Amino acid sequence: MRPNITITIPIPYMPLEEYCRVTGMSIGTARDMVRDGRLPIKPKADKARGLVEVNMAALTVRALSECNIALNA
């Protein structure tokens, strides 16, 4: 029988600048990754303006799906 593991995501959305500070990634690289879809973001009502927020939940699910584990979301 496989054990159950609970993963808590304390911050489901993180501002892009904070994500860069935490990961050490440059803001230019992060913006390029958002543009080409490698970094998922929260949909914005106003595409031209507004805070860009990284979807940490989606990143966590993506990382877990790359492991050899069964994932129930």
PDB file of N, CA and C in Angstrom:
ATOM      1  N   MET A   1       0.835  -1.182   0.000  1.00  0.00           N
ATOM      2  CA  MET A   1       0.000   0.000   0.000  1.00  0.00           C
ATOM      3  C   MET A   1       0.880   1.246   0.000  1.00  0.00           C
ATOM      4  N   ARG A   2       0.528   2.207  -0.850  1.00  0.00           N
ATOM      5  CA  ARG A   2       1.311   3.438  -0.958  1.00  0.00           C
ATOM      6  C   ARG A   2       0.875   4.442   0.099  1.00  0.00           C
ATOM      7  N   PRO A   3       1.817   5.129   0.689  1.00  0.00           N
ATOM      8  CA  PRO A   3       1.451   6.149   1.683  1.00  0.00           C
ATOM      9  C   PRO A   3       0.867   7.384   0.992  1.00  0.00           C
ATOM     10  N   ASN A   4      -0.007   8.083   1.703  1.00  0.00           N
ATOM     11  CA  ASN A   4      -0.541   9.345   1.203  1.00  0.00           C
ATOM     12  C   ASN A   4       0.346  10.477   1.694  1.00  0.00           C
ATOM     13  N   ILE A   5       0.667  11.388   0.810  1.00  0.00           N
ATOM     14  CA  ILE A   5       1.465  12.555   1.147  1.00  0.00           C
ATOM     15  C   ILE A   5       0.639  13.782   0.815  1.00  0.00           C
ATOM     16  N   THR A   6       0.534  14.691   1.753  1.00  0.00           N
ATOM     17  CA  THR A   6      -0.194  15.932   1.532  1.00  0.00           C
ATOM     18  C   THR A   6       0.811  17.051   1.294  1.00  0.00           C
ATOM     19  N   ILE A   7       0.597  17.785   0.210  1.00  0.00           N
ATOM     20  CA  ILE A   7       1.462  18.919  -0.114  1.00  0.00           C
ATOM     21  C   ILE A   7       0.619  20.178  -0.036  1.00  0.00           C
ATOM     22  N   THR A   8       1.058  21.116   0.776  1.00  0.00           N
ATOM     23  CA  THR A   8       0.356  22.381   0.938  1.00  0.00           C
ATOM     24  C   THR A   8       1.080  23.463   0.149  1.00  0.00           C
ATOM     25  N   ILE A   9       0.315  24.240  -0.595  1.00  0.00           N
ATOM     26  CA  ILE A   9       0.883  25.350  -1.360  1.00  0.00           C
ATOM     27  C   ILE A   9       0.464  26.631  -0.633  1.00  0.00           C
ATOM     28  N   PRO A  10       1.360  27.214   0.167  1.00  0.00           N
ATOM     29  CA  PRO A  10       0.977  28.358   0.993  1.00  0.00           C
ATOM     30  C   PRO A  10       0.640  29.619   0.199  1.00  0.00           C
ATOM     31  N   ILE A  11       1.258  29.772  -0.962  1.00  0.00           N
ATOM     32  CA  ILE A  11       1.007  30.954  -1.793  1.00  0.00           C
ATOM     33  C   ILE A  11       0.664  30.467  -3.193  1.00  0.00           C
ATOM     34  N   PRO A  12      -0.641  30.375  -3.534  1.00  0.00           N
ATOM     35  CA  PRO A  12      -1.001  29.853  -4.850  1.00  0.00           C
ATOM     36  C   PRO A  12      -0.560  30.762  -6.010  1.00  0.00           C
ATOM     37  N   TYR A  13      -0.543  32.058  -5.772  1.00  0.00           N
ATOM     38  CA  TYR A  13      -0.077  33.012  -6.788  1.00  0.00           C
ATOM     39  C   TYR A  13       0.981  33.913  -6.161  1.00  0.00           C
ATOM     40  N   MET A  14       2.097  34.090  -6.874  1.00  0.00           N
ATOM     41  CA  MET A  14       3.186  34.914  -6.368  1.00  0.00           C
ATOM     42  C   MET A  14       3.526  35.976  -7.417  1.00  0.00           C
ATOM     43  N   PRO A  15       3.653  37.249  -7.002  1.00  0.00           N
ATOM     44  CA  PRO A  15       4.057  38.284  -7.960  1.00  0.00           C
ATOM     45  C   PRO A  15       5.368  37.900  -8.652  1.00  0.00           C
ATOM     46  N   LEU A  16       5.460  38.231  -9.925  1.00  0.00           N
ATOM     47  CA  LEU A  16       6.625  37.845 -10.721  1.00  0.00           C
ATOM     48  C   LEU A  16       7.929  38.337 -10.090  1.00  0.00           C
ATOM     49  N   GLU A  17       7.943  39.545  -9.575  1.00  0.00           N
ATOM     50  CA  GLU A  17       9.157  40.091  -8.966  1.00  0.00           C
ATOM     51  C   GLU A  17       9.567  39.278  -7.741  1.00  0.00           C
ATOM     52  N   GLU A  18       8.587  38.859  -6.934  1.00  0.00           N
ATOM     53  CA  GLU A  18       8.878  38.049  -5.753  1.00  0.00           C
ATOM     54  C   GLU A  18       9.372  36.661  -6.168  1.00  0.00           C
ATOM     55  N   TYR A  19       8.766  36.088  -7.206  1.00  0.00           N
ATOM     56  CA  TYR A  19       9.206  34.795  -7.729  1.00  0.00           C
ATOM     57  C   TYR A  19      10.681  34.879  -8.146  1.00  0.00           C
ATOM     58  N   CYS A  20      11.050  35.957  -8.816  1.00  0.00           N
ATOM     59  CA  CYS A  20      12.441  36.147  -9.245  1.00  0.00           C
ATOM     60  C   CYS A  20      13.373  36.289  -8.043  1.00  0.00           C
ATOM     61  N   ARG A  21      12.930  37.018  -7.035  1.00  0.00           N
ATOM     62  CA  ARG A  21      13.754  37.187  -5.839  1.00  0.00           C
ATOM     63  C   ARG A  21      13.972  35.839  -5.153  1.00  0.00           C
ATOM     64  N   VAL A  22      12.913  35.039  -5.010  1.00  0.00           N
ATOM     65  CA  VAL A  22      12.998  33.747  -4.316  1.00  0.00           C
ATOM     66  C   VAL A  22      13.841  32.741  -5.096  1.00  0.00           C
ATOM     67  N   THR A  23      13.682  32.722  -6.416  1.00  0.00           N
ATOM     68  CA  THR A  23      14.387  31.724  -7.228  1.00  0.00           C
ATOM     69  C   THR A  23      15.764  32.181  -7.700  1.00  0.00           C
ATOM     70  N   GLY A  24      16.026  33.483  -7.633  1.00  0.00           N
ATOM     71  CA  GLY A  24      17.296  34.006  -8.124  1.00  0.00           C
ATOM     72  C   GLY A  24      17.317  34.199  -9.631  1.00  0.00           C
ATOM     73  N   MET A  25      16.154  34.094 -10.254  1.00  0.00           N
ATOM     74  CA  MET A  25      16.037  34.255 -11.705  1.00  0.00           C
ATOM     75  C   MET A  25      15.960  35.749 -12.053  1.00  0.00           C
ATOM     76  N   SER A  26      16.540  36.125 -13.173  1.00  0.00           N
ATOM     77  CA  SER A  26      16.440  37.520 -13.591  1.00  0.00           C
ATOM     78  C   SER A  26      15.026  37.793 -14.096  1.00  0.00           C
ATOM     79  N   ILE A  27      14.586  39.032 -13.950  1.00  0.00           N
ATOM     80  CA  ILE A  27      13.238  39.407 -14.374  1.00  0.00           C
ATOM     81  C   ILE A  27      13.077  39.247 -15.884  1.00  0.00           C
ATOM     82  N   GLY A  28      14.130  39.494 -16.634  1.00  0.00           N
ATOM     83  CA  GLY A  28      14.077  39.332 -18.092  1.00  0.00           C
ATOM     84  C   GLY A  28      13.857  37.883 -18.494  1.00  0.00           C
ATOM     85  N   THR A  29      14.564  36.970 -17.838  1.00  0.00           N
ATOM     86  CA  THR A  29      14.389  35.542 -18.113  1.00  0.00           C
ATOM     87  C   THR A  29      12.970  35.111 -17.750  1.00  0.00           C
ATOM     88  N   ALA A  30      12.486  35.568 -16.598  1.00  0.00           N
ATOM     89  CA  ALA A  30      11.134  35.203 -16.164  1.00  0.00           C
ATOM     90  C   ALA A  30      10.092  35.722 -17.154  1.00  0.00           C
ATOM     91  N   ARG A  31      10.249  36.948 -17.618  1.00  0.00           N
ATOM     92  CA  ARG A  31       9.291  37.495 -18.602  1.00  0.00           C
ATOM     93  C   ARG A  31       9.328  36.690 -19.911  1.00  0.00           C
ATOM     94  N   ASP A  32      10.516  36.275 -20.334  1.00  0.00           N
ATOM     95  CA  ASP A  32      10.624  35.427 -21.528  1.00  0.00           C
ATOM     96  C   ASP A  32       9.908  34.098 -21.313  1.00  0.00           C
ATOM     97  N   MET A  33      10.056  33.533 -20.131  1.00  0.00           N
ATOM     98  CA  MET A  33       9.401  32.256 -19.823  1.00  0.00           C
ATOM     99  C   MET A  33       7.881  32.394 -19.769  1.00  0.00           C
ATOM    100  N   VAL A  34       7.394  33.525 -19.277  1.00  0.00           N
ATOM    101  CA  VAL A  34       5.947  33.792 -19.292  1.00  0.00           C
ATOM    102  C   VAL A  34       5.474  33.896 -20.731  1.00  0.00           C
ATOM    103  N   ARG A  35       6.220  34.631 -21.533  1.00  0.00           N
ATOM    104  CA  ARG A  35       5.846  34.843 -22.937  1.00  0.00           C
ATOM    105  C   ARG A  35       5.737  33.545 -23.724  1.00  0.00           C
ATOM    106  N   ASP A  36       6.680  32.617 -23.492  1.00  0.00           N
ATOM    107  CA  ASP A  36       6.652  31.370 -24.276  1.00  0.00           C
ATOM    108  C   ASP A  36       5.942  30.218 -23.561  1.00  0.00           C
ATOM    109  N   GLY A  37       5.320  30.498 -22.403  1.00  0.00           N
ATOM    110  CA  GLY A  37       4.472  29.513 -21.749  1.00  0.00           C
ATOM    111  C   GLY A  37       5.159  28.578 -20.779  1.00  0.00           C
ATOM    112  N   ARG A  38       6.448  28.755 -20.548  1.00  0.00           N
ATOM    113  CA  ARG A  38       7.155  27.872 -19.604  1.00  0.00           C
ATOM    114  C   ARG A  38       6.869  28.223 -18.151  1.00  0.00           C
ATOM    115  N   LEU A  39       6.363  29.429 -17.907  1.00  0.00           N
ATOM    116  CA  LEU A  39       6.042  29.875 -16.557  1.00  0.00           C
ATOM    117  C   LEU A  39       4.565  30.271 -16.538  1.00  0.00           C
ATOM    118  N   PRO A  40       3.713  29.462 -15.896  1.00  0.00           N
ATOM    119  CA  PRO A  40       2.279  29.750 -15.909  1.00  0.00           C
ATOM    120  C   PRO A  40       1.931  30.939 -15.018  1.00  0.00           C
ATOM    121  N   ILE A  41       1.021  31.763 -15.489  1.00  0.00           N
ATOM    122  CA  ILE A  41       0.604  32.929 -14.719  1.00  0.00           C
ATOM    123  C   ILE A  41      -0.907  32.943 -14.545  1.00  0.00           C
ATOM    124  N   LYS A  42      -1.350  33.742 -13.596  1.00  0.00           N
ATOM    125  CA  LYS A  42      -2.775  33.937 -13.343  1.00  0.00           C
ATOM    126  C   LYS A  42      -3.341  34.774 -14.490  1.00  0.00           C
ATOM    127  N   PRO A  43      -4.478  34.346 -15.061  1.00  0.00           N
ATOM    128  CA  PRO A  43      -5.083  35.141 -16.135  1.00  0.00           C
ATOM    129  C   PRO A  43      -5.421  36.548 -15.635  1.00  0.00           C
ATOM    130  N   LYS A  44      -5.200  37.533 -16.504  1.00  0.00           N
ATOM    131  CA  LYS A  44      -5.468  38.922 -16.139  1.00  0.00           C
ATOM    132  C   LYS A  44      -6.680  39.433 -16.910  1.00  0.00           C
ATOM    133  N   ALA A  45      -7.490  40.266 -16.250  1.00  0.00           N
ATOM    134  CA  ALA A  45      -8.646  40.876 -16.910  1.00  0.00           C
ATOM    135  C   ALA A  45      -8.166  41.910 -17.928  1.00  0.00           C
ATOM    136  N   ASP A  46      -7.187  42.701 -17.546  1.00  0.00           N
ATOM    137  CA  ASP A  46      -6.627  43.734 -18.425  1.00  0.00           C
ATOM    138  C   ASP A  46      -5.261  43.239 -18.890  1.00  0.00           C
ATOM    139  N   LYS A  47      -5.185  42.801 -20.156  1.00  0.00           N
ATOM    140  CA  LYS A  47      -3.945  42.195 -20.666  1.00  0.00           C
ATOM    141  C   LYS A  47      -2.760  43.160 -20.670  1.00  0.00           C
ATOM    142  N   ALA A  48      -3.014  44.448 -20.915  1.00  0.00           N
ATOM    143  CA  ALA A  48      -1.924  45.411 -21.030  1.00  0.00           C
ATOM    144  C   ALA A  48      -1.376  45.828 -19.667  1.00  0.00           C
ATOM    145  N   ARG A  49      -2.237  45.847 -18.672  1.00  0.00           N
ATOM    146  CA  ARG A  49      -1.823  46.304 -17.346  1.00  0.00           C
ATOM    147  C   ARG A  49      -2.114  45.236 -16.309  1.00  0.00           C
ATOM    148  N   GLY A  50      -1.692  45.487 -15.124  1.00  0.00           N
ATOM    149  CA  GLY A  50      -2.003  44.575 -14.036  1.00  0.00           C
ATOM    150  C   GLY A  50      -0.788  43.795 -13.589  1.00  0.00           C
ATOM    151  N   LEU A  51      -0.891  43.316 -12.382  1.00  0.00           N
ATOM    152  CA  LEU A  51       0.182  42.566 -11.755  1.00  0.00           C
ATOM    153  C   LEU A  51       0.302  41.178 -12.388  1.00  0.00           C
ATOM    154  N   VAL A  52       1.513  40.807 -12.768  1.00  0.00           N
ATOM    155  CA  VAL A  52       1.768  39.463 -13.292  1.00  0.00           C
ATOM    156  C   VAL A  52       2.043  38.568 -12.090  1.00  0.00           C
ATOM    157  N   GLU A  53       1.211  37.524 -11.925  1.00  0.00           N
ATOM    158  CA  GLU A  53       1.357  36.615 -10.803  1.00  0.00           C
ATOM    159  C   GLU A  53       1.626  35.203 -11.314  1.00  0.00           C
ATOM    160  N   VAL A  54       2.685  34.587 -10.817  1.00  0.00           N
ATOM    161  CA  VAL A  54       3.057  33.230 -11.203  1.00  0.00           C
ATOM    162  C   VAL A  54       2.125  32.255 -10.489  1.00  0.00           C
ATOM    163  N   ASN A  55       1.612  31.281 -11.227  1.00  0.00           N
ATOM    164  CA  ASN A  55       0.713  30.275 -10.678  1.00  0.00           C
ATOM    165  C   ASN A  55       1.560  29.169 -10.041  1.00  0.00           C
ATOM    166  N   MET A  56       1.773  29.295  -8.737  1.00  0.00           N
ATOM    167  CA  MET A  56       2.623  28.348  -8.018  1.00  0.00           C
ATOM    168  C   MET A  56       1.965  26.971  -7.914  1.00  0.00           C
ATOM    169  N   ALA A  57       0.642  26.932  -7.887  1.00  0.00           N
ATOM    170  CA  ALA A  57      -0.063  25.645  -7.843  1.00  0.00           C
ATOM    171  C   ALA A  57       0.207  24.862  -9.123  1.00  0.00           C
ATOM    172  N   ALA A  58       0.119  25.531 -10.265  1.00  0.00           N
ATOM    173  CA  ALA A  58       0.375  24.867 -11.545  1.00  0.00           C
ATOM    174  C   ALA A  58       1.828  24.396 -11.633  1.00  0.00           C
ATOM    175  N   LEU A  59       2.753  25.193 -11.132  1.00  0.00           N
ATOM    176  CA  LEU A  59       4.162  24.790 -11.140  1.00  0.00           C
ATOM    177  C   LEU A  59       4.385  23.561 -10.259  1.00  0.00           C
ATOM    178  N   THR A  60       3.715  23.517  -9.114  1.00  0.00           N
ATOM    179  CA  THR A  60       3.852  22.377  -8.210  1.00  0.00           C
ATOM    180  C   THR A  60       3.302  21.108  -8.854  1.00  0.00           C
ATOM    181  N   VAL A  61       2.128  21.218  -9.474  1.00  0.00           N
ATOM    182  CA  VAL A  61       1.530  20.055 -10.150  1.00  0.00           C
ATOM    183  C   VAL A  61       2.429  19.591 -11.288  1.00  0.00           C
ATOM    184  N   ARG A  62       2.981  20.528 -12.040  1.00  0.00           N
ATOM    185  CA  ARG A  62       3.886  20.172 -13.142  1.00  0.00           C
ATOM    186  C   ARG A  62       5.115  19.433 -12.615  1.00  0.00           C
ATOM    187  N   ALA A  63       5.701  19.940 -11.540  1.00  0.00           N
ATOM    188  CA  ALA A  63       6.887  19.309 -10.966  1.00  0.00           C
ATOM    189  C   ALA A  63       6.568  17.900 -10.447  1.00  0.00           C
ATOM    190  N   LEU A  64       5.426  17.752  -9.803  1.00  0.00           N
ATOM    191  CA  LEU A  64       5.037  16.444  -9.283  1.00  0.00           C
ATOM    192  C   LEU A  64       4.727  15.464 -10.398  1.00  0.00           C
ATOM    193  N   SER A  65       4.164  15.949 -11.485  1.00  0.00           N
ATOM    194  CA  SER A  65       3.837  15.058 -12.589  1.00  0.00           C
ATOM    195  C   SER A  65       5.082  14.537 -13.306  1.00  0.00           C
ATOM    196  N   GLU A  66       6.203  15.218 -13.137  1.00  0.00           N
ATOM    197  CA  GLU A  66       7.456  14.782 -13.736  1.00  0.00           C
ATOM    198  C   GLU A  66       8.154  13.707 -12.905  1.00  0.00           C
ATOM    199  N   CYS A  67       7.615  13.453 -11.702  1.00  0.00           N
ATOM    200  CA  CYS A  67       8.151  12.399 -10.833  1.00  0.00           C
ATOM    201  C   CYS A  67       7.409  11.098 -11.142  1.00  0.00           C
ATOM    202  N   ASN A  68       7.959  10.019 -10.669  1.00  0.00           N
ATOM    203  CA  ASN A  68       7.332   8.720 -10.881  1.00  0.00           C
ATOM    204  C   ASN A  68       6.386   8.429  -9.716  1.00  0.00           C
ATOM    205  N   ILE A  69       5.309   9.262  -9.619  1.00  0.00           N
ATOM    206  CA  ILE A  69       4.331   9.094  -8.552  1.00  0.00           C
ATOM    207  C   ILE A  69       2.920   9.194  -9.131  1.00  0.00           C
ATOM    208  N   ALA A  70       1.952   8.665  -8.420  1.00  0.00           N
ATOM    209  CA  ALA A  70       0.558   8.833  -8.793  1.00  0.00           C
ATOM    210  C   ALA A  70       0.069  10.135  -8.172  1.00  0.00           C
ATOM    211  N   LEU A  71      -0.590  10.959  -8.948  1.00  0.00           N
ATOM    212  CA  LEU A  71      -1.006  12.277  -8.488  1.00  0.00           C
ATOM    213  C   LEU A  71      -2.520  12.381  -8.568  1.00  0.00           C
ATOM    214  N   ASN A  72      -3.137  12.703  -7.444  1.00  0.00           N
ATOM    215  CA  ASN A  72      -4.572  12.996  -7.381  1.00  0.00           C
ATOM    216  C   ASN A  72      -4.737  14.426  -6.931  1.00  0.00           C
ATOM    217  N   ALA A  73      -5.209  15.275  -7.828  1.00  0.00           N
ATOM    218  CA  ALA A  73      -5.374  16.691  -7.484  1.00  0.00           C
ATOM    219  C   ALA A  73      -6.814  16.994  -7.147  1.00  0.00           C
TER     220      ALA A  73
END
